[in-house]
Amino acid sequence: MRRLPPLNALRAFEAAVRTGSYADAALQLGVTHGAVSQQIATLESWLGEKLFTKEGRRMVATPMARAFAAEVGLSFDRLAVAASACGRPGVRRILRVSAPTSLAMRWLIPRLHRYHAEHPDVEVVVTTVSCVVEDMRGGVDVAIRRGVARNDLWPQHHVVPLLEDVDTLIMSPALFARRPIHAPGDIEGHNLLASETRAGDWDNWLEAAGLQHLAGLPRQTFDHFFVTRQALEDGLGIGIGPMPMLEIDIARGNLMMPLPDIRVPRTGYVAIYPRQADPAQLYAGFVDWLAGEASRPAGVAP
């Protein structure tokens, strides 16, 4: 007989670590906040180890608990694969994909219609994260993160290079028509838009353009790039944007690159998926599809 922890307690624990909240775990599991708290207390008693510490009003998983939850999540994944293999053929499969918000909105989601056309039996569920270097959590089959293809960073996962990331100056065609930019110095007098999530973009571009002396110009800063992108499209100023993420916006004529030859390379994106628990190579096949999309022109998606 295996000496296993209580399975309901494991479910509550894994959900609490993955979501980062007892309340969100309770909502996902369809139980009360108190039930999650009680199940985690049961698991802590069984292990003889505290799994969460209180920080303000939040319960935060310990480093050991996060490592344990990753293993529990993989075990649940393997159980799901085994159950799927024993289940009915032809049942619609769910593929859970996590990506940074702007990349999901401007690059991944506009292309998913092509994947669905080729794989009508697979439903892709996209979740987003605000931080592009956020740790991997259970409950995700494929994750896209900023980084390099080093397996030691995610030792239990395959890591595949996906997208380069190059910054360049962007603005709306309407603003260009009113106040064109033909040379780097023409940016003076324009409203500079920036994002907290892409710190350093303006400084790096100004250095590449030979305009370090303008680094002190005031900027209007938003908390996230997708807000900045909307302000740029509305013609409220000029900004630094990532390519090829914005290729679709360029192709649609919503944005333009007035000085396309001035580019600043940044750390690109990788696709990450578990080494085990890959039903019928579903995850690997999706990552291959992602890599193929990264190498094809954007076009104008419907």
C-alpha atoms as a PDB file:
ATOM      1  CA  MET A   1       0.000   0.000   0.000  1.00  0.00           C
ATOM      2  CA  ARG A   2       1.273   3.445  -0.936  1.00  0.00           C
ATOM      3  CA  ARG A   3       1.323   5.996   1.854  1.00  0.00           C
ATOM      4  CA  LEU A   4      -0.346   8.861  -0.001  1.00  0.00           C
ATOM      5  CA  PRO A   5      -1.494  12.222   1.367  1.00  0.00           C
ATOM      6  CA  PRO A   6      -5.256  12.866   1.344  1.00  0.00           C
ATOM      7  CA  LEU A   7      -6.140  13.457  -2.313  1.00  0.00           C
ATOM      8  CA  ASN A   8      -8.774  16.136  -1.649  1.00  0.00           C
ATOM      9  CA  ALA A   9      -6.217  17.998   0.439  1.00  0.00           C
ATOM     10  CA  LEU A  10      -3.711  17.736  -2.409  1.00  0.00           C
ATOM     11  CA  ARG A  11      -6.256  19.164  -4.859  1.00  0.00           C
ATOM     12  CA  ALA A  12      -6.961  22.137  -2.598  1.00  0.00           C
ATOM     13  CA  PHE A  13      -3.255  22.703  -1.952  1.00  0.00           C
ATOM     14  CA  GLU A  14      -2.247  22.549  -5.631  1.00  0.00           C
ATOM     15  CA  ALA A  15      -5.061  24.919  -6.621  1.00  0.00           C
ATOM     16  CA  ALA A  16      -4.145  27.385  -3.857  1.00  0.00           C
ATOM     17  CA  VAL A  17      -0.493  27.506  -4.920  1.00  0.00           C
ATOM     18  CA  ARG A  18      -1.322  27.673  -8.631  1.00  0.00           C
ATOM     19  CA  THR A  19      -3.872  30.484  -8.263  1.00  0.00           C
ATOM     20  CA  GLY A  20      -1.989  32.243  -5.455  1.00  0.00           C
ATOM     21  CA  SER A  21      -5.167  32.589  -3.400  1.00  0.00           C
ATOM     22  CA  TYR A  22      -7.356  30.461  -1.110  1.00  0.00           C
ATOM     23  CA  ALA A  23     -10.394  32.315  -2.428  1.00  0.00           C
ATOM     24  CA  ASP A  24      -9.539  31.686  -6.087  1.00  0.00           C
ATOM     25  CA  ALA A  25      -8.794  28.031  -5.314  1.00  0.00           C
ATOM     26  CA  ALA A  26     -12.184  27.714  -3.603  1.00  0.00           C
ATOM     27  CA  LEU A  27     -13.921  29.292  -6.613  1.00  0.00           C
ATOM     28  CA  GLN A  28     -12.130  26.934  -9.012  1.00  0.00           C
ATOM     29  CA  LEU A  29     -12.937  23.847  -6.936  1.00  0.00           C
ATOM     30  CA  GLY A  30     -16.508  24.865  -6.199  1.00  0.00           C
ATOM     31  CA  VAL A  31     -16.083  24.846  -2.412  1.00  0.00           C
ATOM     32  CA  THR A  32     -15.873  27.445   0.346  1.00  0.00           C
ATOM     33  CA  HIS A  33     -12.801  29.415   1.401  1.00  0.00           C
ATOM     34  CA  GLY A  34     -13.008  27.632   4.772  1.00  0.00           C
ATOM     35  CA  ALA A  35     -13.006  24.236   3.100  1.00  0.00           C
ATOM     36  CA  VAL A  36      -9.771  25.046   1.264  1.00  0.00           C
ATOM     37  CA  SER A  37      -8.194  26.321   4.477  1.00  0.00           C
ATOM     38  CA  GLN A  38      -9.248  23.161   6.323  1.00  0.00           C
ATOM     39  CA  GLN A  39      -7.898  20.856   3.590  1.00  0.00           C
ATOM     40  CA  ILE A  40      -4.547  22.651   3.598  1.00  0.00           C
ATOM     41  CA  ALA A  41      -4.395  22.389   7.393  1.00  0.00           C
ATOM     42  CA  THR A  42      -5.049  18.656   7.028  1.00  0.00           C
ATOM     43  CA  LEU A  43      -2.188  18.324   4.539  1.00  0.00           C
ATOM     44  CA  GLU A  44       0.145  20.356   6.776  1.00  0.00           C
ATOM     45  CA  SER A  45      -0.697  18.046   9.664  1.00  0.00           C
ATOM     46  CA  TRP A  46      -0.055  14.976   7.498  1.00  0.00           C
ATOM     47  CA  LEU A  47       3.297  16.355   6.310  1.00  0.00           C
ATOM     48  CA  GLY A  48       4.303  17.875   9.639  1.00  0.00           C
ATOM     49  CA  GLU A  49       5.318  21.015   7.750  1.00  0.00           C
ATOM     50  CA  LYS A  50       3.839  24.497   7.262  1.00  0.00           C
ATOM     51  CA  LEU A  51       2.998  25.097   3.610  1.00  0.00           C
ATOM     52  CA  PHE A  52       1.852  28.722   3.766  1.00  0.00           C
ATOM     53  CA  THR A  53       2.871  31.802   5.732  1.00  0.00           C
ATOM     54  CA  LYS A  54       0.702  34.831   6.365  1.00  0.00           C
ATOM     55  CA  GLU A  55       1.818  38.094   4.732  1.00  0.00           C
ATOM     56  CA  GLY A  56      -0.653  40.835   5.554  1.00  0.00           C
ATOM     57  CA  ARG A  57      -4.046  39.409   4.635  1.00  0.00           C
ATOM     58  CA  ARG A  58      -2.628  36.889   2.163  1.00  0.00           C
ATOM     59  CA  MET A  59      -1.444  33.330   2.635  1.00  0.00           C
ATOM     60  CA  VAL A  60       1.792  32.839   0.668  1.00  0.00           C
ATOM     61  CA  ALA A  61       3.236  29.439  -0.247  1.00  0.00           C
ATOM     62  CA  THR A  62       6.691  28.628   1.107  1.00  0.00           C
ATOM     63  CA  PRO A  63       9.481  27.789  -1.373  1.00  0.00           C
ATOM     64  CA  MET A  64       9.212  24.119  -0.401  1.00  0.00           C
ATOM     65  CA  ALA A  65       5.446  24.236  -0.934  1.00  0.00           C
ATOM     66  CA  ARG A  66       5.857  25.740  -4.428  1.00  0.00           C
ATOM     67  CA  ALA A  67       8.262  22.959  -5.403  1.00  0.00           C
ATOM     68  CA  PHE A  68       5.903  20.331  -3.967  1.00  0.00           C
ATOM     69  CA  ALA A  69       2.914  21.875  -5.769  1.00  0.00           C
ATOM     70  CA  ALA A  70       4.780  21.683  -9.087  1.00  0.00           C
ATOM     71  CA  GLU A  71       5.284  17.947  -8.564  1.00  0.00           C
ATOM     72  CA  VAL A  72       1.657  17.491  -7.526  1.00  0.00           C
ATOM     73  CA  GLY A  73       0.519  19.389 -10.626  1.00  0.00           C
ATOM     74  CA  LEU A  74       2.613  17.133 -12.867  1.00  0.00           C
ATOM     75  CA  SER A  75       1.159  14.084 -11.140  1.00  0.00           C
ATOM     76  CA  PHE A  76      -2.359  15.368 -11.755  1.00  0.00           C
ATOM     77  CA  ASP A  77      -1.382  15.946 -15.391  1.00  0.00           C
ATOM     78  CA  ARG A  78      -0.215  12.346 -15.688  1.00  0.00           C
ATOM     79  CA  LEU A  79      -3.472  11.132 -14.128  1.00  0.00           C
ATOM     80  CA  ALA A  80      -5.419  13.216 -16.642  1.00  0.00           C
ATOM     81  CA  VAL A  81      -3.416  11.713 -19.511  1.00  0.00           C
ATOM     82  CA  ALA A  82      -3.989   8.190 -18.233  1.00  0.00           C
ATOM     83  CA  ALA A  83      -7.708   8.860 -17.854  1.00  0.00           C
ATOM     84  CA  SER A  84      -7.828  10.317 -21.362  1.00  0.00           C
ATOM     85  CA  ALA A  85      -6.094   7.244 -22.780  1.00  0.00           C
ATOM     86  CA  CYS A  86      -8.690   5.020 -21.142  1.00  0.00           C
ATOM     87  CA  GLY A  87     -11.595   7.216 -22.169  1.00  0.00           C
ATOM     88  CA  ARG A  88     -13.717   7.440 -25.279  1.00  0.00           C
ATOM     89  CA  PRO A  89     -11.898   8.103 -28.576  1.00  0.00           C
ATOM     90  CA  GLY A  90     -12.774  11.335 -30.338  1.00  0.00           C
ATOM     91  CA  VAL A  91     -13.563  13.240 -27.155  1.00  0.00           C
ATOM     92  CA  ARG A  92     -12.683  16.936 -27.501  1.00  0.00           C
ATOM     93  CA  ARG A  93      -9.328  17.698 -25.860  1.00  0.00           C
ATOM     94  CA  ILE A  94      -8.467  20.802 -23.866  1.00  0.00           C
ATOM     95  CA  LEU A  95      -5.086  22.511 -24.325  1.00  0.00           C
ATOM     96  CA  ARG A  96      -4.268  25.108 -21.658  1.00  0.00           C
ATOM     97  CA  VAL A  97      -1.882  27.824 -22.847  1.00  0.00           C
ATOM     98  CA  SER A  98      -0.438  30.646 -20.731  1.00  0.00           C
ATOM     99  CA  ALA A  99       1.151  33.743 -22.291  1.00  0.00           C
ATOM    100  CA  PRO A 100       2.017  37.351 -21.402  1.00  0.00           C
ATOM    101  CA  THR A 101      -1.025  39.564 -21.894  1.00  0.00           C
ATOM    102  CA  SER A 102       0.192  41.678 -24.826  1.00  0.00           C
ATOM    103  CA  LEU A 103       1.670  38.697 -26.653  1.00  0.00           C
ATOM    104  CA  ALA A 104      -1.583  36.765 -26.227  1.00  0.00           C
ATOM    105  CA  MET A 105      -3.689  39.689 -27.475  1.00  0.00           C
ATOM    106  CA  ARG A 106      -1.528  40.887 -30.367  1.00  0.00           C
ATOM    107  CA  TRP A 107       0.210  37.706 -31.571  1.00  0.00           C
ATOM    108  CA  LEU A 108      -1.249  34.416 -30.305  1.00  0.00           C
ATOM    109  CA  ILE A 109      -5.023  34.871 -30.300  1.00  0.00           C
ATOM    110  CA  PRO A 110      -5.258  36.440 -33.807  1.00  0.00           C
ATOM    111  CA  ARG A 111      -3.567  33.289 -35.187  1.00  0.00           C
ATOM    112  CA  LEU A 112      -5.483  30.598 -33.294  1.00  0.00           C
ATOM    113  CA  HIS A 113      -8.167  30.307 -35.971  1.00  0.00           C
ATOM    114  CA  ARG A 114      -5.568  28.574 -38.161  1.00  0.00           C
ATOM    115  CA  TYR A 115      -4.744  26.042 -35.439  1.00  0.00           C
ATOM    116  CA  HIS A 116      -8.432  25.326 -34.802  1.00  0.00           C
ATOM    117  CA  ALA A 117      -9.011  24.798 -38.523  1.00  0.00           C
ATOM    118  CA  GLU A 118      -6.294  22.118 -38.529  1.00  0.00           C
ATOM    119  CA  HIS A 119      -7.246  20.594 -35.158  1.00  0.00           C
ATOM    120  CA  PRO A 120     -11.037  20.812 -34.726  1.00  0.00           C
ATOM    121  CA  ASP A 121     -10.901  18.268 -31.884  1.00  0.00           C
ATOM    122  CA  VAL A 122      -8.736  20.518 -29.677  1.00  0.00           C
ATOM    123  CA  GLU A 123     -10.008  23.490 -27.672  1.00  0.00           C
ATOM    124  CA  VAL A 124      -7.262  25.977 -26.783  1.00  0.00           C
ATOM    125  CA  VAL A 125      -7.887  27.806 -23.502  1.00  0.00           C
ATOM    126  CA  VAL A 126      -5.662  30.906 -23.168  1.00  0.00           C
ATOM    127  CA  THR A 127      -4.792  32.457 -19.810  1.00  0.00           C
ATOM    128  CA  THR A 128      -2.601  35.538 -19.450  1.00  0.00           C
ATOM    129  CA  VAL A 129       0.048  36.716 -17.016  1.00  0.00           C
ATOM    130  CA  SER A 130       1.208  40.291 -16.504  1.00  0.00           C
ATOM    131  CA  CYS A 131       4.822  39.341 -15.802  1.00  0.00           C
ATOM    132  CA  VAL A 132       6.645  37.762 -18.735  1.00  0.00           C
ATOM    133  CA  VAL A 133       9.103  35.938 -16.453  1.00  0.00           C
ATOM    134  CA  GLU A 134       6.497  34.591 -14.022  1.00  0.00           C
ATOM    135  CA  ASP A 135       7.238  31.132 -12.630  1.00  0.00           C
ATOM    136  CA  MET A 136       5.616  28.118 -14.207  1.00  0.00           C
ATOM    137  CA  ARG A 137       2.603  26.889 -12.267  1.00  0.00           C
ATOM    138  CA  GLY A 138       0.528  23.737 -12.401  1.00  0.00           C
ATOM    139  CA  GLY A 139      -2.608  23.698 -14.524  1.00  0.00           C
ATOM    140  CA  VAL A 140      -0.848  24.923 -17.692  1.00  0.00           C
ATOM    141  CA  ASP A 141       0.070  22.644 -20.597  1.00  0.00           C
ATOM    142  CA  VAL A 142       2.127  25.098 -22.672  1.00  0.00           C
ATOM    143  CA  ALA A 143       3.533  28.424 -21.475  1.00  0.00           C
ATOM    144  CA  ILE A 144       5.122  31.242 -23.451  1.00  0.00           C
ATOM    145  CA  ARG A 145       7.638  33.248 -21.458  1.00  0.00           C
ATOM    146  CA  ARG A 146      10.427  35.698 -22.133  1.00  0.00           C
ATOM    147  CA  GLY A 147      13.759  33.885 -21.848  1.00  0.00           C
ATOM    148  CA  VAL A 148      16.427  31.821 -23.541  1.00  0.00           C
ATOM    149  CA  ALA A 149      16.296  28.152 -24.516  1.00  0.00           C
ATOM    150  CA  ARG A 150      18.067  26.802 -21.432  1.00  0.00           C
ATOM    151  CA  ASN A 151      16.592  23.620 -20.010  1.00  0.00           C
ATOM    152  CA  ASP A 152      18.287  24.184 -16.643  1.00  0.00           C
ATOM    153  CA  LEU A 153      15.934  27.118 -16.026  1.00  0.00           C
ATOM    154  CA  TRP A 154      12.930  24.777 -16.289  1.00  0.00           C
ATOM    155  CA  PRO A 155      14.484  21.335 -15.625  1.00  0.00           C
ATOM    156  CA  GLN A 156      11.197  19.412 -15.867  1.00  0.00           C
ATOM    157  CA  HIS A 157      10.166  21.018 -19.149  1.00  0.00           C
ATOM    158  CA  HIS A 158      11.145  21.224 -22.802  1.00  0.00           C
ATOM    159  CA  VAL A 159      12.167  24.771 -23.753  1.00  0.00           C
ATOM    160  CA  VAL A 160      11.837  25.773 -27.430  1.00  0.00           C
ATOM    161  CA  PRO A 161      12.899  29.129 -28.963  1.00  0.00           C
ATOM    162  CA  LEU A 162       9.834  30.830 -30.361  1.00  0.00           C
ATOM    163  CA  LEU A 163       9.966  34.556 -31.135  1.00  0.00           C
ATOM    164  CA  GLU A 164      12.606  37.229 -31.377  1.00  0.00           C
ATOM    165  CA  ASP A 165      11.782  40.581 -29.796  1.00  0.00           C
ATOM    166  CA  VAL A 166      13.028  43.783 -31.412  1.00  0.00           C
ATOM    167  CA  ASP A 167      12.009  47.278 -30.329  1.00  0.00           C
ATOM    168  CA  THR A 168      11.419  50.088 -32.818  1.00  0.00           C
ATOM    169  CA  LEU A 169       9.629  53.442 -32.925  1.00  0.00           C
ATOM    170  CA  ILE A 170       5.880  53.200 -33.567  1.00  0.00           C
ATOM    171  CA  MET A 171       3.057  55.673 -34.038  1.00  0.00           C
ATOM    172  CA  SER A 172      -0.338  55.958 -35.703  1.00  0.00           C
ATOM    173  CA  PRO A 173      -0.516  56.827 -39.424  1.00  0.00           C
ATOM    174  CA  ALA A 174      -2.872  59.694 -38.549  1.00  0.00           C
ATOM    175  CA  LEU A 175      -0.317  61.260 -36.206  1.00  0.00           C
ATOM    176  CA  PHE A 176       2.423  60.747 -38.800  1.00  0.00           C
ATOM    177  CA  ALA A 177       0.297  62.616 -41.342  1.00  0.00           C
ATOM    178  CA  ARG A 178      -0.006  65.570 -38.932  1.00  0.00           C
ATOM    179  CA  ARG A 179       3.544  65.551 -37.568  1.00  0.00           C
ATOM    180  CA  PRO A 180       5.778  63.272 -39.647  1.00  0.00           C
ATOM    181  CA  ILE A 181       9.006  61.743 -38.359  1.00  0.00           C
ATOM    182  CA  HIS A 182      11.601  61.294 -41.093  1.00  0.00           C
ATOM    183  CA  ALA A 183      14.750  61.493 -38.938  1.00  0.00           C
ATOM    184  CA  PRO A 184      15.475  60.671 -35.279  1.00  0.00           C
ATOM    185  CA  GLY A 185      15.569  64.331 -34.254  1.00  0.00           C
ATOM    186  CA  ASP A 186      11.975  64.784 -35.437  1.00  0.00           C
ATOM    187  CA  ILE A 187      10.715  63.106 -32.245  1.00  0.00           C
ATOM    188  CA  GLU A 188      11.296  66.364 -30.329  1.00  0.00           C
ATOM    189  CA  GLY A 189       8.003  67.989 -29.467  1.00  0.00           C
ATOM    190  CA  HIS A 190       6.098  64.688 -29.649  1.00  0.00           C
ATOM    191  CA  ASN A 191       4.398  63.162 -26.605  1.00  0.00           C
ATOM    192  CA  LEU A 192       6.485  60.129 -25.552  1.00  0.00           C
ATOM    193  CA  LEU A 193       4.414  57.150 -24.329  1.00  0.00           C
ATOM    194  CA  ALA A 194       5.982  54.434 -22.171  1.00  0.00           C
ATOM    195  CA  SER A 195       5.036  51.294 -20.204  1.00  0.00           C
ATOM    196  CA  GLU A 196       6.029  50.149 -16.737  1.00  0.00           C
ATOM    197  CA  THR A 197       6.163  46.559 -18.005  1.00  0.00           C
ATOM    198  CA  ARG A 198       8.754  47.457 -20.640  1.00  0.00           C
ATOM    199  CA  ALA A 199      11.120  49.611 -18.620  1.00  0.00           C
ATOM    200  CA  GLY A 200      14.149  50.933 -20.454  1.00  0.00           C
ATOM    201  CA  ASP A 201      12.608  50.801 -23.939  1.00  0.00           C
ATOM    202  CA  TRP A 202      12.945  54.541 -24.556  1.00  0.00           C
ATOM    203  CA  ASP A 203      16.460  54.836 -23.107  1.00  0.00           C
ATOM    204  CA  ASN A 204      17.715  51.936 -25.239  1.00  0.00           C
ATOM    205  CA  TRP A 205      16.103  53.276 -28.411  1.00  0.00           C
ATOM    206  CA  LEU A 206      17.399  56.809 -27.827  1.00  0.00           C
ATOM    207  CA  GLU A 207      20.909  55.406 -27.426  1.00  0.00           C
ATOM    208  CA  ALA A 208      20.574  53.396 -30.655  1.00  0.00           C
ATOM    209  CA  ALA A 209      19.309  56.534 -32.425  1.00  0.00           C
ATOM    210  CA  GLY A 210      22.185  58.665 -31.112  1.00  0.00           C
ATOM    211  CA  LEU A 211      19.805  60.793 -29.060  1.00  0.00           C
ATOM    212  CA  GLN A 212      21.069  60.119 -25.538  1.00  0.00           C
ATOM    213  CA  HIS A 213      20.773  63.849 -24.799  1.00  0.00           C
ATOM    214  CA  LEU A 214      16.985  63.509 -25.022  1.00  0.00           C
ATOM    215  CA  ALA A 215      16.782  60.816 -22.312  1.00  0.00           C
ATOM    216  CA  GLY A 216      15.449  63.377 -19.838  1.00  0.00           C
ATOM    217  CA  LEU A 217      12.379  64.273 -21.906  1.00  0.00           C
ATOM    218  CA  PRO A 218       9.101  63.812 -19.979  1.00  0.00           C
ATOM    219  CA  ARG A 219       7.087  60.687 -20.743  1.00  0.00           C
ATOM    220  CA  GLN A 220       3.517  59.616 -20.156  1.00  0.00           C
ATOM    221  CA  THR A 221       3.762  56.165 -18.581  1.00  0.00           C
ATOM    222  CA  PHE A 222       1.049  53.496 -18.428  1.00  0.00           C
ATOM    223  CA  ASP A 223       1.062  50.400 -16.233  1.00  0.00           C
ATOM    224  CA  HIS A 224       0.980  47.918 -19.107  1.00  0.00           C
ATOM    225  CA  PHE A 225       1.957  47.899 -22.762  1.00  0.00           C
ATOM    226  CA  PHE A 226      -1.495  46.983 -24.078  1.00  0.00           C
ATOM    227  CA  VAL A 227      -2.768  50.294 -22.637  1.00  0.00           C
ATOM    228  CA  THR A 228       0.159  52.106 -24.256  1.00  0.00           C
ATOM    229  CA  ARG A 229      -0.558  50.409 -27.581  1.00  0.00           C
ATOM    230  CA  GLN A 230      -4.142  51.649 -27.519  1.00  0.00           C
ATOM    231  CA  ALA A 231      -2.971  55.198 -26.764  1.00  0.00           C
ATOM    232  CA  LEU A 232      -0.550  54.960 -29.694  1.00  0.00           C
ATOM    233  CA  GLU A 233      -3.301  53.756 -32.018  1.00  0.00           C
ATOM    234  CA  ASP A 234      -5.451  56.682 -30.861  1.00  0.00           C
ATOM    235  CA  GLY A 235      -2.680  59.070 -31.921  1.00  0.00           C
ATOM    236  CA  LEU A 236      -1.925  60.354 -28.412  1.00  0.00           C
ATOM    237  CA  GLY A 237       1.847  60.135 -28.877  1.00  0.00           C
ATOM    238  CA  ILE A 238       4.753  58.028 -30.078  1.00  0.00           C
ATOM    239  CA  GLY A 239       6.251  54.983 -28.397  1.00  0.00           C
ATOM    240  CA  ILE A 240       8.599  52.051 -28.596  1.00  0.00           C
ATOM    241  CA  GLY A 241       6.948  48.817 -29.685  1.00  0.00           C
ATOM    242  CA  PRO A 242       7.994  45.182 -30.029  1.00  0.00           C
ATOM    243  CA  MET A 243       8.232  43.387 -33.329  1.00  0.00           C
ATOM    244  CA  PRO A 244       7.047  40.926 -34.523  1.00  0.00           C
ATOM    245  CA  MET A 245       4.308  41.212 -31.881  1.00  0.00           C
ATOM    246  CA  LEU A 246       2.825  44.248 -33.634  1.00  0.00           C
ATOM    247  CA  GLU A 247       3.086  42.925 -37.204  1.00  0.00           C
ATOM    248  CA  ILE A 248      -0.684  42.486 -37.399  1.00  0.00           C
ATOM    249  CA  ASP A 249      -1.257  46.084 -36.288  1.00  0.00           C
ATOM    250  CA  ILE A 250       1.218  47.268 -38.933  1.00  0.00           C
ATOM    251  CA  ALA A 251      -0.420  45.112 -41.621  1.00  0.00           C
ATOM    252  CA  ARG A 252      -3.869  46.454 -40.705  1.00  0.00           C
ATOM    253  CA  GLY A 253      -2.641  50.045 -40.879  1.00  0.00           C
ATOM    254  CA  ASN A 254      -3.401  50.761 -37.218  1.00  0.00           C
ATOM    255  CA  LEU A 255       0.261  51.517 -36.477  1.00  0.00           C
ATOM    256  CA  MET A 256       3.397  52.273 -38.484  1.00  0.00           C
ATOM    257  CA  MET A 257       7.178  52.330 -38.041  1.00  0.00           C
ATOM    258  CA  PRO A 258       8.503  55.766 -39.080  1.00  0.00           C
ATOM    259  CA  LEU A 259      12.173  54.766 -38.580  1.00  0.00           C
ATOM    260  CA  PRO A 260      12.211  50.983 -39.161  1.00  0.00           C
ATOM    261  CA  ASP A 261      16.005  50.740 -39.490  1.00  0.00           C
ATOM    262  CA  ILE A 262      16.596  51.775 -35.862  1.00  0.00           C
ATOM    263  CA  ARG A 263      15.977  48.575 -33.915  1.00  0.00           C
ATOM    264  CA  VAL A 264      16.961  47.385 -30.447  1.00  0.00           C
ATOM    265  CA  PRO A 265      17.130  43.593 -29.896  1.00  0.00           C
ATOM    266  CA  ARG A 266      15.672  42.286 -26.631  1.00  0.00           C
ATOM    267  CA  THR A 267      15.418  38.874 -25.016  1.00  0.00           C
ATOM    268  CA  GLY A 268      12.886  36.898 -27.030  1.00  0.00           C
ATOM    269  CA  TYR A 269      10.234  34.359 -26.105  1.00  0.00           C
ATOM    270  CA  VAL A 270      10.344  30.608 -25.570  1.00  0.00           C
ATOM    271  CA  ALA A 271       7.625  27.968 -25.440  1.00  0.00           C
ATOM    272  CA  ILE A 272       7.724  25.639 -22.435  1.00  0.00           C
ATOM    273  CA  TYR A 273       5.919  22.333 -21.943  1.00  0.00           C
ATOM    274  CA  PRO A 274       6.382  19.372 -19.563  1.00  0.00           C
ATOM    275  CA  ARG A 275       8.729  16.528 -20.425  1.00  0.00           C
ATOM    276  CA  GLN A 276       6.123  14.039 -19.286  1.00  0.00           C
ATOM    277  CA  ALA A 277       2.350  13.820 -19.554  1.00  0.00           C
ATOM    278  CA  ASP A 278       2.023  14.833 -23.221  1.00  0.00           C
ATOM    279  CA  PRO A 279      -1.025  13.001 -24.584  1.00  0.00           C
ATOM    280  CA  ALA A 280      -0.452  11.938 -28.188  1.00  0.00           C
ATOM    281  CA  GLN A 281       2.217  14.648 -28.531  1.00  0.00           C
ATOM    282  CA  LEU A 282      -0.485  17.308 -28.196  1.00  0.00           C
ATOM    283  CA  TYR A 283       1.789  19.822 -26.452  1.00  0.00           C
ATOM    284  CA  ALA A 284       4.784  19.195 -28.696  1.00  0.00           C
ATOM    285  CA  GLY A 285       2.580  19.483 -31.779  1.00  0.00           C
ATOM    286  CA  PHE A 286       1.160  22.794 -30.610  1.00  0.00           C
ATOM    287  CA  VAL A 287       4.656  24.161 -29.941  1.00  0.00           C
ATOM    288  CA  ASP A 288       5.707  23.063 -33.446  1.00  0.00           C
ATOM    289  CA  TRP A 289       2.707  24.971 -34.788  1.00  0.00           C
ATOM    290  CA  LEU A 290       3.704  28.046 -32.757  1.00  0.00           C
ATOM    291  CA  ALA A 291       7.220  27.893 -34.206  1.00  0.00           C
ATOM    292  CA  GLY A 292       5.778  27.677 -37.705  1.00  0.00           C
ATOM    293  CA  GLU A 293       3.574  30.714 -37.057  1.00  0.00           C
ATOM    294  CA  ALA A 294       6.598  32.644 -35.787  1.00  0.00           C
ATOM    295  CA  SER A 295       8.332  32.130 -39.121  1.00  0.00           C
ATOM    296  CA  ARG A 296       5.466  33.136 -41.397  1.00  0.00           C
ATOM    297  CA  PRO A 297       4.393  36.685 -42.364  1.00  0.00           C
ATOM    298  CA  ALA A 298       1.626  38.125 -40.230  1.00  0.00           C
ATOM    299  CA  GLY A 299      -0.821  38.996 -42.983  1.00  0.00           C
ATOM    300  CA  VAL A 300      -4.129  40.448 -41.852  1.00  0.00           C
ATOM    301  CA  ALA A 301      -5.957  38.018 -39.599  1.00  0.00           C
ATOM    302  CA  PRO A 302      -9.741  38.177 -39.603  1.00  0.00           C
END
